[in-house]
Every structure is written in structure tokens, then in C-alpha cells.
Amino acid sequence: MVRTVITPNKQIISFEIPQSYVGKEIEVIAFTKDEGINTDQSAKKKVSFTALSFDTRNYKFNRDEANER
């Protein structure tokens, strides 16, 4: 894997790839560093599991039955 960070000074750029990549399908992705994941939005996201509710009253766990094969 080759990962390089550059600051282009014109719209067209070129780069060399390793000899072992020749003849293989490769993927090239270009994005600016500030286009990454916005941590403010992901930190504000709240997850709730209230949609699932089980009535566990009068439930007795049987360890031997759970470990049976």
C-alpha cells in the first residue's frame, strides 16, 4: 500500500507506482484533509435501544440448561 499526502500547485498531478502494481487493478482516491469524518456530528449522535423491551419478571436463569450441548 502506498499512501502519500501532497499539496498540488496545479490542477493536474502525476505520480509513480511500485513495479509490483503494474498490471493490477488499483484504486486512487483524492480528497482534501478537511473532508474527513466530522467528529462533532458523530459525537452528538445518541443511540437508544428503547425499541426493544422484554418482560423479565419471574424469569429464572438455568445455567446447566444454557451449557447443555
PDB file of N, CA and C in Angstrom:
ATOM      1  N   MET A   1       0.850  -1.171   0.000  1.00  0.00           N
ATOM      2  CA  MET A   1       0.000   0.000   0.000  1.00  0.00           C
ATOM      3  C   MET A   1       0.892   1.229   0.000  1.00  0.00           C
ATOM      4  N   VAL A   2       0.513   2.202  -0.778  1.00  0.00           N
ATOM      5  CA  VAL A   2       1.233   3.462  -0.845  1.00  0.00           C
ATOM      6  C   VAL A   2       0.266   4.560  -0.444  1.00  0.00           C
ATOM      7  N   ARG A   3       0.663   5.375   0.522  1.00  0.00           N
ATOM      8  CA  ARG A   3      -0.165   6.500   0.936  1.00  0.00           C
ATOM      9  C   ARG A   3       0.718   7.729   0.983  1.00  0.00           C
ATOM     10  N   THR A   4       0.295   8.774   0.287  1.00  0.00           N
ATOM     11  CA  THR A   4       1.083   9.992   0.199  1.00  0.00           C
ATOM     12  C   THR A   4       0.162  11.195   0.346  1.00  0.00           C
ATOM     13  N   VAL A   5       0.611  12.190   1.076  1.00  0.00           N
ATOM     14  CA  VAL A   5      -0.117  13.444   1.203  1.00  0.00           C
ATOM     15  C   VAL A   5       0.661  14.491   0.419  1.00  0.00           C
ATOM     16  N   ILE A   6      -0.013  15.165  -0.508  1.00  0.00           N
ATOM     17  CA  ILE A   6       0.645  16.191  -1.320  1.00  0.00           C
ATOM     18  C   ILE A   6      -0.191  17.461  -1.299  1.00  0.00           C
ATOM     19  N   THR A   7       0.442  18.581  -1.650  1.00  0.00           N
ATOM     20  CA  THR A   7      -0.254  19.846  -1.852  1.00  0.00           C
ATOM     21  C   THR A   7       0.021  20.263  -3.297  1.00  0.00           C
ATOM     22  N   PRO A   8      -0.937  20.004  -4.201  1.00  0.00           N
ATOM     23  CA  PRO A   8      -0.683  20.307  -5.607  1.00  0.00           C
ATOM     24  C   PRO A   8      -0.656  21.818  -5.849  1.00  0.00           C
ATOM     25  N   ASN A   9       0.156  22.245  -6.813  1.00  0.00           N
ATOM     26  CA  ASN A   9       0.205  23.655  -7.182  1.00  0.00           C
ATOM     27  C   ASN A   9      -0.423  23.899  -8.548  1.00  0.00           C
ATOM     28  N   LYS A  10      -0.999  22.853  -9.129  1.00  0.00           N
ATOM     29  CA  LYS A  10      -1.751  22.968 -10.377  1.00  0.00           C
ATOM     30  C   LYS A  10      -2.816  21.878 -10.388  1.00  0.00           C
ATOM     31  N   GLN A  11      -3.719  21.927 -11.340  1.00  0.00           N
ATOM     32  CA  GLN A  11      -4.859  21.007 -11.362  1.00  0.00           C
ATOM     33  C   GLN A  11      -4.487  19.598 -11.782  1.00  0.00           C
ATOM     34  N   ILE A  12      -3.448  19.419 -12.516  1.00  0.00           N
ATOM     35  CA  ILE A  12      -3.040  18.100 -12.997  1.00  0.00           C
ATOM     36  C   ILE A  12      -1.830  17.627 -12.194  1.00  0.00           C
ATOM     37  N   ILE A  13      -1.889  16.390 -11.685  1.00  0.00           N
ATOM     38  CA  ILE A  13      -0.761  15.801 -10.967  1.00  0.00           C
ATOM     39  C   ILE A  13      -0.472  14.424 -11.557  1.00  0.00           C
ATOM     40  N   SER A  14       0.739  13.938 -11.372  1.00  0.00           N
ATOM     41  CA  SER A  14       1.095  12.574 -11.775  1.00  0.00           C
ATOM     42  C   SER A  14       2.010  12.001 -10.715  1.00  0.00           C
ATOM     43  N   PHE A  15       2.050  10.684 -10.625  1.00  0.00           N
ATOM     44  CA  PHE A  15       2.887  10.026  -9.627  1.00  0.00           C
ATOM     45  C   PHE A  15       3.273   8.648 -10.123  1.00  0.00           C
ATOM     46  N   GLU A  16       4.333   8.126  -9.577  1.00  0.00           N
ATOM     47  CA  GLU A  16       4.792   6.798  -9.940  1.00  0.00           C
ATOM     48  C   GLU A  16       4.220   5.782  -8.966  1.00  0.00           C
ATOM     49  N   ILE A  17       4.014   4.574  -9.473  1.00  0.00           N
ATOM     50  CA  ILE A  17       3.541   3.482  -8.628  1.00  0.00           C
ATOM     51  C   ILE A  17       4.621   2.408  -8.566  1.00  0.00           C
ATOM     52  N   PRO A  18       4.593   1.566  -7.546  1.00  0.00           N
ATOM     53  CA  PRO A  18       5.585   0.489  -7.462  1.00  0.00           C
ATOM     54  C   PRO A  18       5.466  -0.481  -8.645  1.00  0.00           C
ATOM     55  N   GLN A  19       6.551  -1.096  -9.019  1.00  0.00           N
ATOM     56  CA  GLN A  19       6.568  -2.049 -10.133  1.00  0.00           C
ATOM     57  C   GLN A  19       5.587  -3.193  -9.893  1.00  0.00           C
ATOM     58  N   SER A  20       5.414  -3.582  -8.629  1.00  0.00           N
ATOM     59  CA  SER A  20       4.513  -4.702  -8.318  1.00  0.00           C
ATOM     60  C   SER A  20       3.042  -4.366  -8.584  1.00  0.00           C
ATOM     61  N   TYR A  21       2.718  -3.082  -8.752  1.00  0.00           N
ATOM     62  CA  TYR A  21       1.338  -2.672  -9.040  1.00  0.00           C
ATOM     63  C   TYR A  21       1.020  -2.718 -10.533  1.00  0.00           C
ATOM     64  N   VAL A  22       2.038  -2.781 -11.370  1.00  0.00           N
ATOM     65  CA  VAL A  22       1.839  -2.764 -12.814  1.00  0.00           C
ATOM     66  C   VAL A  22       1.054  -4.002 -13.230  1.00  0.00           C
ATOM     67  N   GLY A  23       0.003  -3.796 -14.000  1.00  0.00           N
ATOM     68  CA  GLY A  23      -0.833  -4.889 -14.474  1.00  0.00           C
ATOM     69  C   GLY A  23      -1.938  -5.274 -13.510  1.00  0.00           C
ATOM     70  N   LYS A  24      -1.992  -4.634 -12.358  1.00  0.00           N
ATOM     71  CA  LYS A  24      -3.034  -4.929 -11.378  1.00  0.00           C
ATOM     72  C   LYS A  24      -4.014  -3.766 -11.306  1.00  0.00           C
ATOM     73  N   GLU A  25      -5.218  -4.062 -10.890  1.00  0.00           N
ATOM     74  CA  GLU A  25      -6.219  -3.019 -10.705  1.00  0.00           C
ATOM     75  C   GLU A  25      -5.920  -2.273  -9.403  1.00  0.00           C
ATOM     76  N   ILE A  26      -5.803  -0.959  -9.485  1.00  0.00           N
ATOM     77  CA  ILE A  26      -5.545  -0.151  -8.292  1.00  0.00           C
ATOM     78  C   ILE A  26      -6.658   0.889  -8.146  1.00  0.00           C
ATOM     79  N   GLU A  27      -6.780   1.447  -6.976  1.00  0.00           N
ATOM     80  CA  GLU A  27      -7.790   2.465  -6.706  1.00  0.00           C
ATOM     81  C   GLU A  27      -7.080   3.729  -6.243  1.00  0.00           C
ATOM     82  N   VAL A  28      -7.453   4.850  -6.830  1.00  0.00           N
ATOM     83  CA  VAL A  28      -6.885   6.135  -6.460  1.00  0.00           C
ATOM     84  C   VAL A  28      -8.026   7.001  -5.939  1.00  0.00           C
ATOM     85  N   ILE A  29      -7.859   7.531  -4.737  1.00  0.00           N
ATOM     86  CA  ILE A  29      -8.881   8.368  -4.109  1.00  0.00           C
ATOM     87  C   ILE A  29      -8.258   9.718  -3.798  1.00  0.00           C
ATOM     88  N   ALA A  30      -8.965  10.797  -4.129  1.00  0.00           N
ATOM     89  CA  ALA A  30      -8.461  12.139  -3.826  1.00  0.00           C
ATOM     90  C   ALA A  30      -9.519  12.896  -3.034  1.00  0.00           C
ATOM     91  N   PHE A  31      -9.117  13.421  -1.890  1.00  0.00           N
ATOM     92  CA  PHE A  31      -9.991  14.269  -1.086  1.00  0.00           C
ATOM     93  C   PHE A  31      -9.122  15.185  -0.246  1.00  0.00           C
ATOM     94  N   THR A  32      -9.676  16.298   0.166  1.00  0.00           N
ATOM     95  CA  THR A  32      -8.908  17.219   0.993  1.00  0.00           C
ATOM     96  C   THR A  32      -8.915  16.718   2.428  1.00  0.00           C
ATOM     97  N   LYS A  33      -7.901  17.089   3.197  1.00  0.00           N
ATOM     98  CA  LYS A  33      -7.773  16.610   4.576  1.00  0.00           C
ATOM     99  C   LYS A  33      -8.964  17.030   5.433  1.00  0.00           C
ATOM    100  N   ASP A  34      -9.570  18.185   5.140  1.00  0.00           N
ATOM    101  CA  ASP A  34     -10.700  18.638   5.943  1.00  0.00           C
ATOM    102  C   ASP A  34     -12.025  18.009   5.510  1.00  0.00           C
ATOM    103  N   GLU A  35     -12.010  17.128   4.510  1.00  0.00           N
ATOM    104  CA  GLU A  35     -13.211  16.406   4.095  1.00  0.00           C
ATOM    105  C   GLU A  35     -13.403  15.126   4.893  1.00  0.00           C
ATOM    106  N   GLY A  36     -12.589  14.898   5.896  1.00  0.00           N
ATOM    107  CA  GLY A  36     -12.681  13.681   6.692  1.00  0.00           C
ATOM    108  C   GLY A  36     -13.956  13.638   7.506  1.00  0.00           C
ATOM    109  N   ILE A  37     -14.053  12.663   8.385  1.00  0.00           N
ATOM    110  CA  ILE A  37     -15.236  12.494   9.223  1.00  0.00           C
ATOM    111  C   ILE A  37     -15.348  13.664  10.178  1.00  0.00           C
ATOM    112  N   ASN A  38     -16.533  14.239  10.248  1.00  0.00           N
ATOM    113  CA  ASN A  38     -16.787  15.344  11.158  1.00  0.00           C
ATOM    114  C   ASN A  38     -17.054  14.768  12.539  1.00  0.00           C
ATOM    115  N   THR A  39     -16.106  14.922  13.451  1.00  0.00           N
ATOM    116  CA  THR A  39     -16.237  14.319  14.781  1.00  0.00           C
ATOM    117  C   THR A  39     -17.321  14.989  15.609  1.00  0.00           C
ATOM    118  N   ASP A  40     -17.651  16.249  15.325  1.00  0.00           N
ATOM    119  CA  ASP A  40     -18.706  16.923  16.078  1.00  0.00           C
ATOM    120  C   ASP A  40     -20.054  16.257  15.841  1.00  0.00           C
ATOM    121  N   GLN A  41     -20.363  15.884  14.602  1.00  0.00           N
ATOM    122  CA  GLN A  41     -21.633  15.244  14.297  1.00  0.00           C
ATOM    123  C   GLN A  41     -21.705  13.850  14.893  1.00  0.00           C
ATOM    124  N   SER A  42     -20.631  13.083  14.810  1.00  0.00           N
ATOM    125  CA  SER A  42     -20.670  11.720  15.326  1.00  0.00           C
ATOM    126  C   SER A  42     -20.716  11.716  16.852  1.00  0.00           C
ATOM    127  N   ALA A  43     -20.161  12.728  17.511  1.00  0.00           N
ATOM    128  CA  ALA A  43     -20.189  12.788  18.968  1.00  0.00           C
ATOM    129  C   ALA A  43     -21.588  13.138  19.476  1.00  0.00           C
ATOM    130  N   LYS A  44     -22.353  13.904  18.718  1.00  0.00           N
ATOM    131  CA  LYS A  44     -23.689  14.317  19.130  1.00  0.00           C
ATOM    132  C   LYS A  44     -24.733  13.226  18.914  1.00  0.00           C
ATOM    133  N   LYS A  45     -24.423  12.238  18.122  1.00  0.00           N
ATOM    134  CA  LYS A  45     -25.369  11.184  17.785  1.00  0.00           C
ATOM    135  C   LYS A  45     -25.618  10.313  19.007  1.00  0.00           C
ATOM    136  N   LYS A  46     -26.861  10.191  19.405  1.00  0.00           N
ATOM    137  CA  LYS A  46     -27.243   9.383  20.555  1.00  0.00           C
ATOM    138  C   LYS A  46     -27.897   8.096  20.056  1.00  0.00           C
ATOM    139  N   VAL A  47     -27.574   7.008  20.691  1.00  0.00           N
ATOM    140  CA  VAL A  47     -28.136   5.722  20.324  1.00  0.00           C
ATOM    141  C   VAL A  47     -29.063   5.277  21.444  1.00  0.00           C
ATOM    142  N   SER A  48     -30.237   4.827  21.054  1.00  0.00           N
ATOM    143  CA  SER A  48     -31.214   4.397  22.048  1.00  0.00           C
ATOM    144  C   SER A  48     -31.706   2.998  21.693  1.00  0.00           C
ATOM    145  N   PHE A  49     -31.803   2.160  22.692  1.00  0.00           N
ATOM    146  CA  PHE A  49     -32.303   0.804  22.498  1.00  0.00           C
ATOM    147  C   PHE A  49     -33.680   0.640  23.150  1.00  0.00           C
ATOM    148  N   THR A  50     -34.439   1.708  23.247  1.00  0.00           N
ATOM    149  CA  THR A  50     -35.738   1.639  23.902  1.00  0.00           C
ATOM    150  C   THR A  50     -36.779   0.908  23.050  1.00  0.00           C
ATOM    151  N   ALA A  51     -36.499   0.681  21.776  1.00  0.00           N
ATOM    152  CA  ALA A  51     -37.449  -0.015  20.922  1.00  0.00           C
ATOM    153  C   ALA A  51     -37.584  -1.478  21.329  1.00  0.00           C
ATOM    154  N   LEU A  52     -36.563  -2.029  21.969  1.00  0.00           N
ATOM    155  CA  LEU A  52     -36.600  -3.409  22.422  1.00  0.00           C
ATOM    156  C   LEU A  52     -36.871  -3.436  23.916  1.00  0.00           C
ATOM    157  N   SER A  53     -37.925  -4.111  24.294  1.00  0.00           N
ATOM    158  CA  SER A  53     -38.167  -4.260  25.733  1.00  0.00           C
ATOM    159  C   SER A  53     -38.687  -5.664  25.982  1.00  0.00           C
ATOM    160  N   PHE A  54     -38.159  -6.266  27.000  1.00  0.00           N
ATOM    161  CA  PHE A  54     -38.539  -7.624  27.358  1.00  0.00           C
ATOM    162  C   PHE A  54     -39.004  -7.631  28.804  1.00  0.00           C
ATOM    163  N   ASP A  55     -40.034  -8.394  29.061  1.00  0.00           N
ATOM    164  CA  ASP A  55     -40.518  -8.547  30.428  1.00  0.00           C
ATOM    165  C   ASP A  55     -39.746  -9.701  31.053  1.00  0.00           C
ATOM    166  N   THR A  56     -38.856  -9.402  31.973  1.00  0.00           N
ATOM    167  CA  THR A  56     -38.032 -10.431  32.597  1.00  0.00           C
ATOM    168  C   THR A  56     -38.487 -10.766  34.014  1.00  0.00           C
ATOM    169  N   ARG A  57     -39.664 -10.310  34.380  1.00  0.00           N
ATOM    170  CA  ARG A  57     -40.186 -10.680  35.706  1.00  0.00           C
ATOM    171  C   ARG A  57     -40.457 -12.183  35.742  1.00  0.00           C
ATOM    172  N   ASN A  58     -40.184 -12.793  36.830  1.00  0.00           N
ATOM    173  CA  ASN A  58     -40.369 -14.230  37.044  1.00  0.00           C
ATOM    174  C   ASN A  58     -39.500 -15.088  36.118  1.00  0.00           C
ATOM    175  N   TYR A  59     -38.419 -14.523  35.582  1.00  0.00           N
ATOM    176  CA  TYR A  59     -37.504 -15.283  34.739  1.00  0.00           C
ATOM    177  C   TYR A  59     -36.407 -15.868  35.612  1.00  0.00           C
ATOM    178  N   LYS A  60     -36.143 -17.161  35.444  1.00  0.00           N
ATOM    179  CA  LYS A  60     -35.093 -17.836  36.193  1.00  0.00           C
ATOM    180  C   LYS A  60     -34.076 -18.370  35.190  1.00  0.00           C
ATOM    181  N   PHE A  61     -32.819 -18.025  35.388  1.00  0.00           N
ATOM    182  CA  PHE A  61     -31.750 -18.474  34.508  1.00  0.00           C
ATOM    183  C   PHE A  61     -31.257 -19.833  34.985  1.00  0.00           C
ATOM    184  N   ASN A  62     -31.247 -20.802  34.077  1.00  0.00           N
ATOM    185  CA  ASN A  62     -30.779 -22.141  34.385  1.00  0.00           C
ATOM    186  C   ASN A  62     -29.425 -22.335  33.707  1.00  0.00           C
ATOM    187  N   ARG A  63     -28.362 -22.220  34.472  1.00  0.00           N
ATOM    188  CA  ARG A  63     -27.006 -22.301  33.924  1.00  0.00           C
ATOM    189  C   ARG A  63     -26.735 -23.672  33.297  1.00  0.00           C
ATOM    190  N   ASP A  64     -27.206 -24.742  33.926  1.00  0.00           N
ATOM    191  CA  ASP A  64     -26.974 -26.084  33.379  1.00  0.00           C
ATOM    192  C   ASP A  64     -27.663 -26.244  32.027  1.00  0.00           C
ATOM    193  N   GLU A  65     -28.869 -25.753  31.904  1.00  0.00           N
ATOM    194  CA  GLU A  65     -29.594 -25.852  30.640  1.00  0.00           C
ATOM    195  C   GLU A  65     -28.900 -25.011  29.558  1.00  0.00           C
ATOM    196  N   ALA A  66     -28.369 -23.850  29.920  1.00  0.00           N
ATOM    197  CA  ALA A  66     -27.694 -22.990  28.947  1.00  0.00           C
ATOM    198  C   ALA A  66     -26.400 -23.613  28.457  1.00  0.00           C
ATOM    199  N   ASN A  67     -25.732 -24.410  29.293  1.00  0.00           N
ATOM    200  CA  ASN A  67     -24.466 -25.022  28.918  1.00  0.00           C
ATOM    201  C   ASN A  67     -24.601 -26.408  28.301  1.00  0.00           C
ATOM    202  N   GLU A  68     -25.811 -26.908  28.167  1.00  0.00           N
ATOM    203  CA  GLU A  68     -26.007 -28.214  27.532  1.00  0.00           C
ATOM    204  C   GLU A  68     -25.614 -28.148  26.071  1.00  0.00           C
ATOM    205  N   ARG A  69     -25.140 -29.276  25.567  1.00  0.00           N
ATOM    206  CA  ARG A  69     -24.774 -29.325  24.147  1.00  0.00           C
ATOM    207  C   ARG A  69     -25.687 -30.215  23.408  1.00  0.00           C
TER     208      ARG A  69
END
